PDB file of N, CA and C in Angstrom:
ATOM      1  N   MET A   1     -38.236   6.840 -29.552  1.00  0.00           N
ATOM      2  CA  MET A   1     -38.954   8.086 -29.349  1.00  0.00           C
ATOM      3  C   MET A   1     -39.233   8.273 -27.867  1.00  0.00           C
ATOM      4  N   ALA A   2     -39.227   9.518 -27.461  1.00  0.00           N
ATOM      5  CA  ALA A   2     -39.513   9.841 -26.068  1.00  0.00           C
ATOM      6  C   ALA A   2     -40.993   9.646 -25.769  1.00  0.00           C
ATOM      7  N   GLU A   3     -41.276   9.453 -24.502  1.00  0.00           N
ATOM      8  CA  GLU A   3     -42.658   9.259 -24.084  1.00  0.00           C
ATOM      9  C   GLU A   3     -43.509  10.464 -24.471  1.00  0.00           C
ATOM     10  N   GLY A   4     -44.703  10.203 -24.987  1.00  0.00           N
ATOM     11  CA  GLY A   4     -45.610  11.275 -25.366  1.00  0.00           C
ATOM     12  C   GLY A   4     -45.412  11.804 -26.777  1.00  0.00           C
ATOM     13  N   TRP A   5     -44.460  11.277 -27.512  1.00  0.00           N
ATOM     14  CA  TRP A   5     -44.220  11.737 -28.875  1.00  0.00           C
ATOM     15  C   TRP A   5     -45.107  10.974 -29.836  1.00  0.00           C
ATOM     16  N   THR A   6     -45.408  11.612 -30.949  1.00  0.00           N
ATOM     17  CA  THR A   6     -46.213  10.992 -31.988  1.00  0.00           C
ATOM     18  C   THR A   6     -45.505  11.142 -33.324  1.00  0.00           C
ATOM     19  N   LEU A   7     -45.559  10.112 -34.124  1.00  0.00           N
ATOM     20  CA  LEU A   7     -45.030  10.151 -35.478  1.00  0.00           C
ATOM     21  C   LEU A   7     -46.190   9.926 -36.432  1.00  0.00           C
ATOM     22  N   ALA A   8     -46.322  10.800 -37.416  1.00  0.00           N
ATOM     23  CA  ALA A   8     -47.392  10.649 -38.402  1.00  0.00           C
ATOM     24  C   ALA A   8     -46.779  10.566 -39.796  1.00  0.00           C
ATOM     25  N   VAL A   9     -47.332   9.697 -40.616  1.00  0.00           N
ATOM     26  CA  VAL A   9     -46.876   9.536 -41.993  1.00  0.00           C
ATOM     27  C   VAL A   9     -48.077   9.707 -42.910  1.00  0.00           C
ATOM     28  N   ALA A  10     -47.949  10.591 -43.882  1.00  0.00           N
ATOM     29  CA  ALA A  10     -49.031  10.804 -44.858  1.00  0.00           C
ATOM     30  C   ALA A  10     -48.710  10.033 -46.129  1.00  0.00           C
ATOM     31  N   LEU A  11     -49.669   9.268 -46.581  1.00  0.00           N
ATOM     32  CA  LEU A  11     -49.494   8.530 -47.826  1.00  0.00           C
ATOM     33  C   LEU A  11     -50.176   9.233 -48.986  1.00  0.00           C
ATOM     34  N   THR A  12     -51.131  10.105 -48.674  1.00  0.00           N
ATOM     35  CA  THR A  12     -51.806  10.907 -49.693  1.00  0.00           C
ATOM     36  C   THR A  12     -52.079  12.290 -49.123  1.00  0.00           C
ATOM     37  N   ALA A  13     -52.210  13.257 -50.002  1.00  0.00           N
ATOM     38  CA  ALA A  13     -52.566  14.623 -49.608  1.00  0.00           C
ATOM     39  C   ALA A  13     -53.306  15.270 -50.773  1.00  0.00           C
ATOM     40  N   ASP A  14     -54.301  16.063 -50.456  1.00  0.00           N
ATOM     41  CA  ASP A  14     -55.071  16.773 -51.483  1.00  0.00           C
ATOM     42  C   ASP A  14     -54.907  18.271 -51.306  1.00  0.00           C
ATOM     43  N   LEU A  15     -54.952  18.993 -52.394  1.00  0.00           N
ATOM     44  CA  LEU A  15     -54.857  20.442 -52.408  1.00  0.00           C
ATOM     45  C   LEU A  15     -56.182  20.993 -52.893  1.00  0.00           C
ATOM     46  N   SER A  16     -56.724  21.957 -52.136  1.00  0.00           N
ATOM     47  CA  SER A  16     -57.962  22.573 -52.594  1.00  0.00           C
ATOM     48  C   SER A  16     -57.866  24.080 -52.438  1.00  0.00           C
ATOM     49  N   GLU A  17     -58.499  24.793 -53.344  1.00  0.00           N
ATOM     50  CA  GLU A  17     -58.542  26.246 -53.324  1.00  0.00           C
ATOM     51  C   GLU A  17     -59.983  26.676 -53.185  1.00  0.00           C
ATOM     52  N   GLY A  18     -60.273  27.371 -52.104  1.00  0.00           N
ATOM     53  CA  GLY A  18     -61.627  27.874 -51.914  1.00  0.00           C
ATOM     54  C   GLY A  18     -62.654  26.772 -52.008  1.00  0.00           C
ATOM     55  N   GLU A  19     -63.692  27.049 -52.773  1.00  0.00           N
ATOM     56  CA  GLU A  19     -64.801  26.097 -52.858  1.00  0.00           C
ATOM     57  C   GLU A  19     -64.743  25.224 -54.101  1.00  0.00           C
ATOM     58  N   GLY A  20     -63.675  25.370 -54.882  1.00  0.00           N
ATOM     59  CA  GLY A  20     -63.506  24.469 -56.024  1.00  0.00           C
ATOM     60  C   GLY A  20     -63.130  23.098 -55.510  1.00  0.00           C
ATOM     61  N   GLY A  21     -63.113  22.124 -56.336  1.00  0.00           N
ATOM     62  CA  GLY A  21     -62.775  20.767 -55.916  1.00  0.00           C
ATOM     63  C   GLY A  21     -61.348  20.664 -55.417  1.00  0.00           C
ATOM     64  N   SER A  22     -60.934  19.475 -55.083  1.00  0.00           N
ATOM     65  CA  SER A  22     -59.561  19.265 -54.638  1.00  0.00           C
ATOM     66  C   SER A  22     -58.836  18.366 -55.626  1.00  0.00           C
ATOM     67  N   GLU A  23     -57.523  18.476 -55.603  1.00  0.00           N
ATOM     68  CA  GLU A  23     -56.687  17.654 -56.480  1.00  0.00           C
ATOM     69  C   GLU A  23     -55.626  16.977 -55.626  1.00  0.00           C
ATOM     70  N   PRO A  24     -55.305  15.720 -55.908  1.00  0.00           N
ATOM     71  CA  PRO A  24     -54.264  15.051 -55.123  1.00  0.00           C
ATOM     72  C   PRO A  24     -52.886  15.633 -55.421  1.00  0.00           C
ATOM     73  N   LEU A  25     -52.068  15.772 -54.368  1.00  0.00           N
ATOM     74  CA  LEU A  25     -50.678  16.178 -54.555  1.00  0.00           C
ATOM     75  C   LEU A  25     -49.862  14.936 -54.890  1.00  0.00           C
ATOM     76  N   ASP A  26     -48.897  15.095 -55.759  1.00  0.00           N
ATOM     77  CA  ASP A  26     -48.009  13.998 -56.119  1.00  0.00           C
ATOM     78  C   ASP A  26     -46.875  13.958 -55.089  1.00  0.00           C
ATOM     79  N   LEU A  27     -46.982  13.059 -54.104  1.00  0.00           N
ATOM     80  CA  LEU A  27     -45.991  12.993 -53.037  1.00  0.00           C
ATOM     81  C   LEU A  27     -44.702  12.298 -53.462  1.00  0.00           C
ATOM     82  N   THR A  28     -44.639  11.861 -54.723  1.00  0.00           N
ATOM     83  CA  THR A  28     -43.371  11.339 -55.230  1.00  0.00           C
ATOM     84  C   THR A  28     -42.477  12.480 -55.703  1.00  0.00           C
ATOM     85  N   ARG A  29     -43.049  13.685 -55.786  1.00  0.00           N
ATOM     86  CA  ARG A  29     -42.304  14.878 -56.216  1.00  0.00           C
ATOM     87  C   ARG A  29     -42.004  15.753 -55.010  1.00  0.00           C
ATOM     88  N   LYS A  30     -40.830  16.360 -55.000  1.00  0.00           N
ATOM     89  CA  LYS A  30     -40.413  17.169 -53.858  1.00  0.00           C
ATOM     90  C   LYS A  30     -41.372  18.323 -53.593  1.00  0.00           C
ATOM     91  N   ALA A  31     -41.858  18.985 -54.615  1.00  0.00           N
ATOM     92  CA  ALA A  31     -42.762  20.126 -54.425  1.00  0.00           C
ATOM     93  C   ALA A  31     -44.037  19.714 -53.691  1.00  0.00           C
ATOM     94  N   GLY A  32     -44.592  18.579 -54.060  1.00  0.00           N
ATOM     95  CA  GLY A  32     -45.792  18.083 -53.387  1.00  0.00           C
ATOM     96  C   GLY A  32     -45.531  17.754 -51.929  1.00  0.00           C
ATOM     97  N   ARG A  33     -44.393  17.130 -51.653  1.00  0.00           N
ATOM     98  CA  ARG A  33     -44.044  16.793 -50.269  1.00  0.00           C
ATOM     99  C   ARG A  33     -43.827  18.044 -49.432  1.00  0.00           C
ATOM    100  N   LEU A  34     -43.164  19.061 -50.000  1.00  0.00           N
ATOM    101  CA  LEU A  34     -42.930  20.308 -49.269  1.00  0.00           C
ATOM    102  C   LEU A  34     -44.238  21.033 -48.954  1.00  0.00           C
ATOM    103  N   MET A  35     -45.162  21.041 -49.893  1.00  0.00           N
ATOM    104  CA  MET A  35     -46.452  21.681 -49.644  1.00  0.00           C
ATOM    105  C   MET A  35     -47.208  20.965 -48.528  1.00  0.00           C
ATOM    106  N   ALA A  36     -47.229  19.630 -48.559  1.00  0.00           N
ATOM    107  CA  ALA A  36     -47.933  18.865 -47.538  1.00  0.00           C
ATOM    108  C   ALA A  36     -47.269  19.053 -46.171  1.00  0.00           C
ATOM    109  N   GLU A  37     -45.948  19.041 -46.140  1.00  0.00           N
ATOM    110  CA  GLU A  37     -45.222  19.220 -44.874  1.00  0.00           C
ATOM    111  C   GLU A  37     -45.456  20.616 -44.304  1.00  0.00           C
ATOM    112  N   SER A  38     -45.393  21.627 -45.149  1.00  0.00           N
ATOM    113  CA  SER A  38     -45.609  23.001 -44.683  1.00  0.00           C
ATOM    114  C   SER A  38     -47.011  23.188 -44.130  1.00  0.00           C
ATOM    115  N   ALA A  39     -47.988  22.632 -44.792  1.00  0.00           N
ATOM    116  CA  ALA A  39     -49.371  22.735 -44.309  1.00  0.00           C
ATOM    117  C   ALA A  39     -49.522  22.044 -42.966  1.00  0.00           C
ATOM    118  N   ALA A  40     -48.902  20.879 -42.796  1.00  0.00           N
ATOM    119  CA  ALA A  40     -48.983  20.156 -41.527  1.00  0.00           C
ATOM    120  C   ALA A  40     -48.315  20.949 -40.407  1.00  0.00           C
ATOM    121  N   LEU A  41     -47.189  21.592 -40.694  1.00  0.00           N
ATOM    122  CA  LEU A  41     -46.509  22.408 -39.689  1.00  0.00           C
ATOM    123  C   LEU A  41     -47.355  23.604 -39.265  1.00  0.00           C
ATOM    124  N   VAL A  42     -47.981  24.260 -40.223  1.00  0.00           N
ATOM    125  CA  VAL A  42     -48.844  25.401 -39.902  1.00  0.00           C
ATOM    126  C   VAL A  42     -50.006  24.952 -39.020  1.00  0.00           C
ATOM    127  N   LEU A  43     -50.654  23.854 -39.373  1.00  0.00           N
ATOM    128  CA  LEU A  43     -51.774  23.355 -38.566  1.00  0.00           C
ATOM    129  C   LEU A  43     -51.325  22.983 -37.153  1.00  0.00           C
ATOM    130  N   ALA A  44     -50.159  22.366 -37.025  1.00  0.00           N
ATOM    131  CA  ALA A  44     -49.646  21.980 -35.710  1.00  0.00           C
ATOM    132  C   ALA A  44     -49.340  23.220 -34.866  1.00  0.00           C
ATOM    133  N   GLN A  45     -48.728  24.228 -35.469  1.00  0.00           N
ATOM    134  CA  GLN A  45     -48.413  25.451 -34.735  1.00  0.00           C
ATOM    135  C   GLN A  45     -49.684  26.165 -34.293  1.00  0.00           C
ATOM    136  N   ARG A  46     -50.680  26.214 -35.157  1.00  0.00           N
ATOM    137  CA  ARG A  46     -51.950  26.860 -34.812  1.00  0.00           C
ATOM    138  C   ARG A  46     -52.660  26.120 -33.683  1.00  0.00           C
ATOM    139  N   ALA A  47     -52.416  24.808 -33.582  1.00  0.00           N
ATOM    140  CA  ALA A  47     -53.032  24.015 -32.518  1.00  0.00           C
ATOM    141  C   ALA A  47     -52.234  24.101 -31.215  1.00  0.00           C
ATOM    142  N   GLY A  48     -51.118  24.829 -31.243  1.00  0.00           N
ATOM    143  CA  GLY A  48     -50.310  25.016 -30.047  1.00  0.00           C
ATOM    144  C   GLY A  48     -49.403  23.844 -29.703  1.00  0.00           C
ATOM    145  N   LEU A  49     -49.143  22.984 -30.665  1.00  0.00           N
ATOM    146  CA  LEU A  49     -48.284  21.832 -30.424  1.00  0.00           C
ATOM    147  C   LEU A  49     -46.813  22.242 -30.441  1.00  0.00           C
ATOM    148  N   GLN A  50     -46.005  21.570 -29.644  1.00  0.00           N
ATOM    149  CA  GLN A  50     -44.573  21.814 -29.647  1.00  0.00           C
ATOM    150  C   GLN A  50     -43.964  20.991 -30.777  1.00  0.00           C
ATOM    151  N   LEU A  51     -43.108  21.612 -31.553  1.00  0.00           N
ATOM    152  CA  LEU A  51     -42.471  20.936 -32.688  1.00  0.00           C
ATOM    153  C   LEU A  51     -40.968  20.907 -32.492  1.00  0.00           C
ATOM    154  N   GLU A  52     -40.337  19.833 -32.947  1.00  0.00           N
ATOM    155  CA  GLU A  52     -38.887  19.740 -32.898  1.00  0.00           C
ATOM    156  C   GLU A  52     -38.403  19.288 -34.258  1.00  0.00           C
ATOM    157  N   ASN A  53     -37.489  20.053 -34.838  1.00  0.00           N
ATOM    158  CA  ASN A  53     -36.923  19.713 -36.142  1.00  0.00           C
ATOM    159  C   ASN A  53     -35.818  18.696 -35.933  1.00  0.00           C
ATOM    160  N   LEU A  54     -35.988  17.498 -36.455  1.00  0.00           N
ATOM    161  CA  LEU A  54     -35.004  16.444 -36.289  1.00  0.00           C
ATOM    162  C   LEU A  54     -34.036  16.364 -37.451  1.00  0.00           C
ATOM    163  N   GLY A  55     -34.246  17.175 -38.483  1.00  0.00           N
ATOM    164  CA  GLY A  55     -33.405  17.089 -39.659  1.00  0.00           C
ATOM    165  C   GLY A  55     -32.444  18.146 -39.689  1.00  0.00           C
TER     166      GLY A  55
END
């Protein structure tokens, strides 16, 4: 990895709607992984981070 890069790995993720409780996403399923990845990308973009798609 280039200097200044960060790699993050999520082992768990929770989904919550409004003020109701949260439920864990099943990261063994593709749908759960896509939801967690999309949310992380949105948060990173909102924080002004530079992103590079390696895939």
